[in-house]
Amino acid sequence: MDIDAMVKEAVRTGDWMLRRSDNGKSVSTQANGFQWAPIGEWTEAPDWDPLPRRGGGLHGCGPQSSGYYTNGRDIDFCAVEEVVDIDGEKIKCRRAVVLLRNTLPEGLSVGGSLYLRGTQISALPEGLSVGGYLNLYGTQISALPEGLSVGGSLDLYGTQISALPEGLSVGGYLYLRGTQISALPEGLSVGGSIYKDSLSEIG
């Protein structure tokens, strides 16, 4: 299996989902500790049900959904087959394969929100676009990529980020509390307020 080729194909076609896990183990209480196959091996839902409702499949967030993030320490990027949308908040599928763990592919476009709080991810890819809210609270990420675009709000609370890239675009608020950021770059575009500390807002 050529994982690099599969990653590029999944990004190109949109046949992917993101999910939270603990080293591949589902953390949702409804999943009862279901363990996925290792990275690069396909997992099939033992209870597959094609109806657009919870249960009966492998669950996660697809290119346009953003309502299914649990508290697992890992973020998995998966290629998927036989996808069913559930209320626009999440998707489920019959088969999926974890291609990347705690790494996101270059050029990824997330139509909804991207909730990375508490994961082990340490970097964001070039060309990342997030249509909704991007939450990096408490992650190990120390820098943001050039050209990052966030349609909603961006939460950097508790990260090691000390500077923002030029040309950063944030549609909602920019939350800088708990960071070492002391200056804003040229070309920064923020649609809402910029919060720096508990007493004031800047910008």
C-alpha atoms as a PDB file:
ATOM      1  CA  MET A   1       0.000   0.000   0.000  1.00  0.00           C
ATOM      2  CA  ASP A   2       1.375   3.409  -1.033  1.00  0.00           C
ATOM      3  CA  ILE A   3       0.170   5.568   1.841  1.00  0.00           C
ATOM      4  CA  ASP A   4       1.500   8.814   0.346  1.00  0.00           C
ATOM      5  CA  ALA A   5      -0.453   8.194  -2.861  1.00  0.00           C
ATOM      6  CA  MET A   6      -3.585   7.314  -0.892  1.00  0.00           C
ATOM      7  CA  VAL A   7      -3.305  10.499   1.160  1.00  0.00           C
ATOM      8  CA  LYS A   8      -3.047  12.642  -1.965  1.00  0.00           C
ATOM      9  CA  GLU A   9      -5.968  10.833  -3.580  1.00  0.00           C
ATOM     10  CA  ALA A  10      -8.154  11.228  -0.487  1.00  0.00           C
ATOM     11  CA  VAL A  11      -7.409  14.969  -0.320  1.00  0.00           C
ATOM     12  CA  ARG A  12      -8.108  15.325  -4.052  1.00  0.00           C
ATOM     13  CA  THR A  13     -11.422  13.452  -4.023  1.00  0.00           C
ATOM     14  CA  GLY A  14     -12.653  14.477  -0.572  1.00  0.00           C
ATOM     15  CA  ASP A  15     -13.050  10.824   0.421  1.00  0.00           C
ATOM     16  CA  TRP A  16     -11.610  11.302   3.901  1.00  0.00           C
ATOM     17  CA  MET A  17     -12.539  11.856   7.502  1.00  0.00           C
ATOM     18  CA  LEU A  18     -10.844  12.984  10.689  1.00  0.00           C
ATOM     19  CA  ARG A  19     -11.426  11.186  13.972  1.00  0.00           C
ATOM     20  CA  ARG A  20     -10.058  11.248  17.516  1.00  0.00           C
ATOM     21  CA  SER A  21      -8.649   8.096  19.072  1.00  0.00           C
ATOM     22  CA  ASP A  22      -6.277   6.753  21.695  1.00  0.00           C
ATOM     23  CA  ASN A  23      -3.761   4.991  19.475  1.00  0.00           C
ATOM     24  CA  GLY A  24      -6.547   3.740  17.244  1.00  0.00           C
ATOM     25  CA  LYS A  25      -9.007   2.863  19.987  1.00  0.00           C
ATOM     26  CA  SER A  26     -12.372   4.595  19.761  1.00  0.00           C
ATOM     27  CA  VAL A  27     -12.980   6.849  22.760  1.00  0.00           C
ATOM     28  CA  SER A  28     -16.716   7.316  22.295  1.00  0.00           C
ATOM     29  CA  THR A  29     -18.632   5.574  25.066  1.00  0.00           C
ATOM     30  CA  GLN A  30     -20.997   4.110  22.478  1.00  0.00           C
ATOM     31  CA  ALA A  31     -18.071   2.381  20.729  1.00  0.00           C
ATOM     32  CA  ASN A  32     -17.218   0.295  23.802  1.00  0.00           C
ATOM     33  CA  GLY A  33     -13.456   0.522  23.219  1.00  0.00           C
ATOM     34  CA  PHE A  34     -13.578  -0.586  19.571  1.00  0.00           C
ATOM     35  CA  GLN A  35     -10.003  -0.978  18.296  1.00  0.00           C
ATOM     36  CA  TRP A  36      -9.225   0.004  14.716  1.00  0.00           C
ATOM     37  CA  ALA A  37      -6.702  -1.837  12.562  1.00  0.00           C
ATOM     38  CA  PRO A  38      -3.133  -0.471  12.523  1.00  0.00           C
ATOM     39  CA  ILE A  39      -2.182   2.455  10.287  1.00  0.00           C
ATOM     40  CA  GLY A  40      -2.341   1.411   6.641  1.00  0.00           C
ATOM     41  CA  GLU A  41      -4.799  -1.457   7.204  1.00  0.00           C
ATOM     42  CA  TRP A  42      -8.504  -1.234   6.464  1.00  0.00           C
ATOM     43  CA  THR A  43     -11.070  -1.347   9.266  1.00  0.00           C
ATOM     44  CA  GLU A  44     -14.630  -2.461   8.546  1.00  0.00           C
ATOM     45  CA  ALA A  45     -17.620  -1.591  10.706  1.00  0.00           C
ATOM     46  CA  PRO A  46     -18.958  -4.834  12.189  1.00  0.00           C
ATOM     47  CA  ASP A  47     -22.416  -3.293  12.649  1.00  0.00           C
ATOM     48  CA  TRP A  48     -22.731  -1.413   9.330  1.00  0.00           C
ATOM     49  CA  ASP A  49     -26.081   0.316   8.847  1.00  0.00           C
ATOM     50  CA  PRO A  50     -26.406   2.684   5.843  1.00  0.00           C
ATOM     51  CA  LEU A  51     -29.194   4.777   7.378  1.00  0.00           C
ATOM     52  CA  PRO A  52     -28.245   8.408   8.216  1.00  0.00           C
ATOM     53  CA  ARG A  53     -28.291   7.999  11.983  1.00  0.00           C
ATOM     54  CA  ARG A  54     -25.788   7.468  14.758  1.00  0.00           C
ATOM     55  CA  GLY A  55     -24.372   4.008  15.217  1.00  0.00           C
ATOM     56  CA  GLY A  56     -23.861   1.310  12.634  1.00  0.00           C
ATOM     57  CA  GLY A  57     -20.571   2.468  11.159  1.00  0.00           C
ATOM     58  CA  LEU A  58     -17.197   4.123  11.633  1.00  0.00           C
ATOM     59  CA  HIS A  59     -17.733   7.746  12.656  1.00  0.00           C
ATOM     60  CA  GLY A  60     -15.796  10.968  12.152  1.00  0.00           C
ATOM     61  CA  CYS A  61     -15.811  14.386  10.499  1.00  0.00           C
ATOM     62  CA  GLY A  62     -15.711  14.697   6.740  1.00  0.00           C
ATOM     63  CA  PRO A  63     -14.729  17.625   4.490  1.00  0.00           C
ATOM     64  CA  GLN A  64     -17.879  19.615   5.359  1.00  0.00           C
ATOM     65  CA  SER A  65     -18.814  18.352   8.819  1.00  0.00           C
ATOM     66  CA  SER A  66     -17.531  19.421  12.204  1.00  0.00           C
ATOM     67  CA  GLY A  67     -19.698  18.044  14.971  1.00  0.00           C
ATOM     68  CA  TYR A  68     -17.956  14.806  15.926  1.00  0.00           C
ATOM     69  CA  TYR A  69     -14.819  15.419  17.971  1.00  0.00           C
ATOM     70  CA  THR A  70     -14.268  13.541  21.192  1.00  0.00           C
ATOM     71  CA  ASN A  71     -11.398  13.741  23.643  1.00  0.00           C
ATOM     72  CA  GLY A  72      -8.952  11.203  22.252  1.00  0.00           C
ATOM     73  CA  ARG A  73      -5.297  12.238  22.359  1.00  0.00           C
ATOM     74  CA  ASP A  74      -4.687  11.350  18.710  1.00  0.00           C
ATOM     75  CA  ILE A  75      -6.098  12.836  15.507  1.00  0.00           C
ATOM     76  CA  ASP A  76      -6.386  10.339  12.652  1.00  0.00           C
ATOM     77  CA  PHE A  77      -6.667  11.180   8.955  1.00  0.00           C
ATOM     78  CA  CYS A  78      -8.520   8.371   7.191  1.00  0.00           C
ATOM     79  CA  ALA A  79      -9.517   7.398   3.674  1.00  0.00           C
ATOM     80  CA  VAL A  80     -13.139   6.224   3.607  1.00  0.00           C
ATOM     81  CA  GLU A  81     -15.571   4.139   1.563  1.00  0.00           C
ATOM     82  CA  GLU A  82     -19.402   4.088   1.504  1.00  0.00           C
ATOM     83  CA  VAL A  83     -19.992   7.356   3.337  1.00  0.00           C
ATOM     84  CA  VAL A  84     -23.266   8.466   4.912  1.00  0.00           C
ATOM     85  CA  ASP A  85     -23.818  12.025   6.156  1.00  0.00           C
ATOM     86  CA  ILE A  86     -25.445  12.427   9.581  1.00  0.00           C
ATOM     87  CA  ASP A  87     -27.223  15.765  10.059  1.00  0.00           C
ATOM     88  CA  GLY A  88     -24.327  17.712   8.533  1.00  0.00           C
ATOM     89  CA  GLU A  89     -22.407  17.355  11.805  1.00  0.00           C
ATOM     90  CA  LYS A  90     -20.571  14.116  11.188  1.00  0.00           C
ATOM     91  CA  ILE A  91     -20.291  11.198   8.810  1.00  0.00           C
ATOM     92  CA  LYS A  92     -20.074   7.465   9.099  1.00  0.00           C
ATOM     93  CA  CYS A  93     -18.723   4.893   6.677  1.00  0.00           C
ATOM     94  CA  ARG A  94     -18.548   1.153   6.156  1.00  0.00           C
ATOM     95  CA  ARG A  95     -14.772   0.971   5.659  1.00  0.00           C
ATOM     96  CA  ALA A  96     -11.886   3.251   6.508  1.00  0.00           C
ATOM     97  CA  VAL A  97      -8.122   3.169   6.765  1.00  0.00           C
ATOM     98  CA  VAL A  98      -6.001   5.381   9.010  1.00  0.00           C
ATOM     99  CA  LEU A  99      -3.331   6.931   6.792  1.00  0.00           C
ATOM    100  CA  LEU A 100      -1.855   9.548   9.135  1.00  0.00           C
ATOM    101  CA  ARG A 101      -1.841   9.931  12.901  1.00  0.00           C
ATOM    102  CA  ASN A 102      -1.192  13.343  14.481  1.00  0.00           C
ATOM    103  CA  THR A 103      -0.241  14.681  11.056  1.00  0.00           C
ATOM    104  CA  LEU A 104      -2.510  16.442   8.572  1.00  0.00           C
ATOM    105  CA  PRO A 105      -1.843  16.395   4.812  1.00  0.00           C
ATOM    106  CA  GLU A 106      -0.754  19.413   2.807  1.00  0.00           C
ATOM    107  CA  GLY A 107      -3.545  21.272   1.050  1.00  0.00           C
ATOM    108  CA  LEU A 108      -6.262  19.982   3.359  1.00  0.00           C
ATOM    109  CA  SER A 109      -9.491  21.978   3.187  1.00  0.00           C
ATOM    110  CA  VAL A 110     -11.871  21.551   6.124  1.00  0.00           C
ATOM    111  CA  GLY A 111     -15.267  23.075   5.434  1.00  0.00           C
ATOM    112  CA  GLY A 112     -16.437  22.943   9.039  1.00  0.00           C
ATOM    113  CA  SER A 113     -14.531  23.315  12.284  1.00  0.00           C
ATOM    114  CA  LEU A 114     -11.273  21.627  13.239  1.00  0.00           C
ATOM    115  CA  TYR A 115     -10.969  20.765  16.911  1.00  0.00           C
ATOM    116  CA  LEU A 116      -7.385  19.767  17.780  1.00  0.00           C
ATOM    117  CA  ARG A 117      -7.457  20.697  21.462  1.00  0.00           C
ATOM    118  CA  GLY A 118      -5.608  18.153  23.578  1.00  0.00           C
ATOM    119  CA  THR A 119      -4.186  16.118  20.683  1.00  0.00           C
ATOM    120  CA  GLN A 120      -0.548  15.161  20.123  1.00  0.00           C
ATOM    121  CA  ILE A 121      -0.303  17.032  16.827  1.00  0.00           C
ATOM    122  CA  SER A 122       2.797  19.253  16.675  1.00  0.00           C
ATOM    123  CA  ALA A 123       2.485  21.040  13.312  1.00  0.00           C
ATOM    124  CA  LEU A 124      -0.074  22.217  10.780  1.00  0.00           C
ATOM    125  CA  PRO A 125       0.443  21.628   7.046  1.00  0.00           C
ATOM    126  CA  GLU A 126       1.030  24.202   4.346  1.00  0.00           C
ATOM    127  CA  GLY A 127      -2.122  25.224   2.529  1.00  0.00           C
ATOM    128  CA  LEU A 128      -4.499  24.349   5.354  1.00  0.00           C
ATOM    129  CA  SER A 129      -7.910  25.986   5.067  1.00  0.00           C
ATOM    130  CA  VAL A 130     -10.565  25.786   7.777  1.00  0.00           C
ATOM    131  CA  GLY A 131     -14.039  27.118   7.056  1.00  0.00           C
ATOM    132  CA  GLY A 132     -15.183  27.189  10.660  1.00  0.00           C
ATOM    133  CA  TYR A 133     -13.546  27.329  14.074  1.00  0.00           C
ATOM    134  CA  LEU A 134      -9.919  26.185  14.565  1.00  0.00           C
ATOM    135  CA  ASN A 135      -9.162  25.178  18.159  1.00  0.00           C
ATOM    136  CA  LEU A 136      -5.482  24.574  18.993  1.00  0.00           C
ATOM    137  CA  TYR A 137      -5.878  25.010  22.746  1.00  0.00           C
ATOM    138  CA  GLY A 138      -3.028  23.342  24.619  1.00  0.00           C
ATOM    139  CA  THR A 139      -1.465  21.607  21.618  1.00  0.00           C
ATOM    140  CA  GLN A 140       2.269  21.228  20.954  1.00  0.00           C
ATOM    141  CA  ILE A 141       2.072  23.378  17.831  1.00  0.00           C
ATOM    142  CA  SER A 142       4.757  26.084  17.942  1.00  0.00           C
ATOM    143  CA  ALA A 143       4.144  27.861  14.621  1.00  0.00           C
ATOM    144  CA  LEU A 144       1.356  28.469  12.132  1.00  0.00           C
ATOM    145  CA  PRO A 145       1.934  27.865   8.414  1.00  0.00           C
ATOM    146  CA  GLU A 146       2.076  30.699   5.922  1.00  0.00           C
ATOM    147  CA  GLY A 147      -1.204  31.244   4.126  1.00  0.00           C
ATOM    148  CA  LEU A 148      -3.386  29.762   6.843  1.00  0.00           C
ATOM    149  CA  SER A 149      -7.029  30.722   6.373  1.00  0.00           C
ATOM    150  CA  VAL A 150      -9.644  30.304   9.122  1.00  0.00           C
ATOM    151  CA  GLY A 151     -13.240  31.259   8.326  1.00  0.00           C
ATOM    152  CA  GLY A 152     -14.366  31.233  11.945  1.00  0.00           C
ATOM    153  CA  SER A 153     -12.461  31.930  15.149  1.00  0.00           C
ATOM    154  CA  LEU A 154      -8.918  30.821  16.006  1.00  0.00           C
ATOM    155  CA  ASP A 155      -8.083  29.740  19.561  1.00  0.00           C
ATOM    156  CA  LEU A 156      -4.348  29.607  20.405  1.00  0.00           C
ATOM    157  CA  TYR A 157      -4.709  29.565  24.185  1.00  0.00           C
ATOM    158  CA  GLY A 158      -1.856  27.745  25.928  1.00  0.00           C
ATOM    159  CA  THR A 159       0.173  26.997  22.784  1.00  0.00           C
ATOM    160  CA  GLN A 160       3.894  27.640  22.305  1.00  0.00           C
ATOM    161  CA  ILE A 161       3.262  29.930  19.354  1.00  0.00           C
ATOM    162  CA  SER A 162       5.245  33.161  19.747  1.00  0.00           C
ATOM    163  CA  ALA A 163       4.548  34.829  16.402  1.00  0.00           C
ATOM    164  CA  LEU A 164       1.817  34.889  13.776  1.00  0.00           C
ATOM    165  CA  PRO A 165       2.539  34.507  10.046  1.00  0.00           C
ATOM    166  CA  GLU A 166       2.059  37.447   7.728  1.00  0.00           C
ATOM    167  CA  GLY A 167      -1.170  37.314   5.787  1.00  0.00           C
ATOM    168  CA  LEU A 168      -3.042  35.273   8.374  1.00  0.00           C
ATOM    169  CA  SER A 169      -6.800  35.530   7.801  1.00  0.00           C
ATOM    170  CA  VAL A 170      -9.289  34.864  10.606  1.00  0.00           C
ATOM    171  CA  GLY A 171     -13.005  35.437  10.031  1.00  0.00           C
ATOM    172  CA  GLY A 172     -14.045  35.458  13.681  1.00  0.00           C
ATOM    173  CA  TYR A 173     -12.190  36.307  16.867  1.00  0.00           C
ATOM    174  CA  LEU A 174      -8.485  35.629  17.491  1.00  0.00           C
ATOM    175  CA  TYR A 175      -7.800  34.265  20.960  1.00  0.00           C
ATOM    176  CA  LEU A 176      -4.183  34.854  22.062  1.00  0.00           C
ATOM    177  CA  ARG A 177      -4.562  34.529  25.825  1.00  0.00           C
ATOM    178  CA  GLY A 178      -1.862  32.391  27.398  1.00  0.00           C
ATOM    179  CA  THR A 179       0.562  32.799  24.484  1.00  0.00           C
ATOM    180  CA  GLN A 180       3.861  34.690  24.149  1.00  0.00           C
ATOM    181  CA  ILE A 181       2.659  36.685  21.153  1.00  0.00           C
ATOM    182  CA  SER A 182       3.450  40.360  21.754  1.00  0.00           C
ATOM    183  CA  ALA A 183       3.109  41.866  18.272  1.00  0.00           C
ATOM    184  CA  LEU A 184       0.780  41.418  15.324  1.00  0.00           C
ATOM    185  CA  PRO A 185       2.105  40.884  11.787  1.00  0.00           C
ATOM    186  CA  GLU A 186       1.445  43.034   8.761  1.00  0.00           C
ATOM    187  CA  GLY A 187      -1.424  41.895   6.626  1.00  0.00           C
ATOM    188  CA  LEU A 188      -3.289  40.252   9.487  1.00  0.00           C
ATOM    189  CA  SER A 189      -7.025  40.107   8.797  1.00  0.00           C
ATOM    190  CA  VAL A 190      -9.388  39.447  11.716  1.00  0.00           C
ATOM    191  CA  GLY A 191     -13.158  39.774  11.436  1.00  0.00           C
ATOM    192  CA  GLY A 192     -13.817  39.864  15.180  1.00  0.00           C
ATOM    193  CA  SER A 193     -11.934  40.945  18.283  1.00  0.00           C
ATOM    194  CA  ILE A 194      -8.379  40.013  19.218  1.00  0.00           C
ATOM    195  CA  TYR A 195      -8.088  38.897  22.843  1.00  0.00           C
ATOM    196  CA  LYS A 196      -4.622  38.993  24.357  1.00  0.00           C
ATOM    197  CA  ASP A 197      -5.150  38.666  28.117  1.00  0.00           C
ATOM    198  CA  SER A 198      -7.871  38.538  30.720  1.00  0.00           C
ATOM    199  CA  LEU A 199      -8.045  42.324  31.110  1.00  0.00           C
ATOM    200  CA  SER A 200      -8.065  43.764  27.645  1.00  0.00           C
ATOM    201  CA  GLU A 201      -8.371  43.211  23.965  1.00  0.00           C
ATOM    202  CA  ILE A 202      -5.965  44.510  21.341  1.00  0.00           C
ATOM    203  CA  GLY A 203      -6.247  45.315  17.681  1.00  0.00           C
END
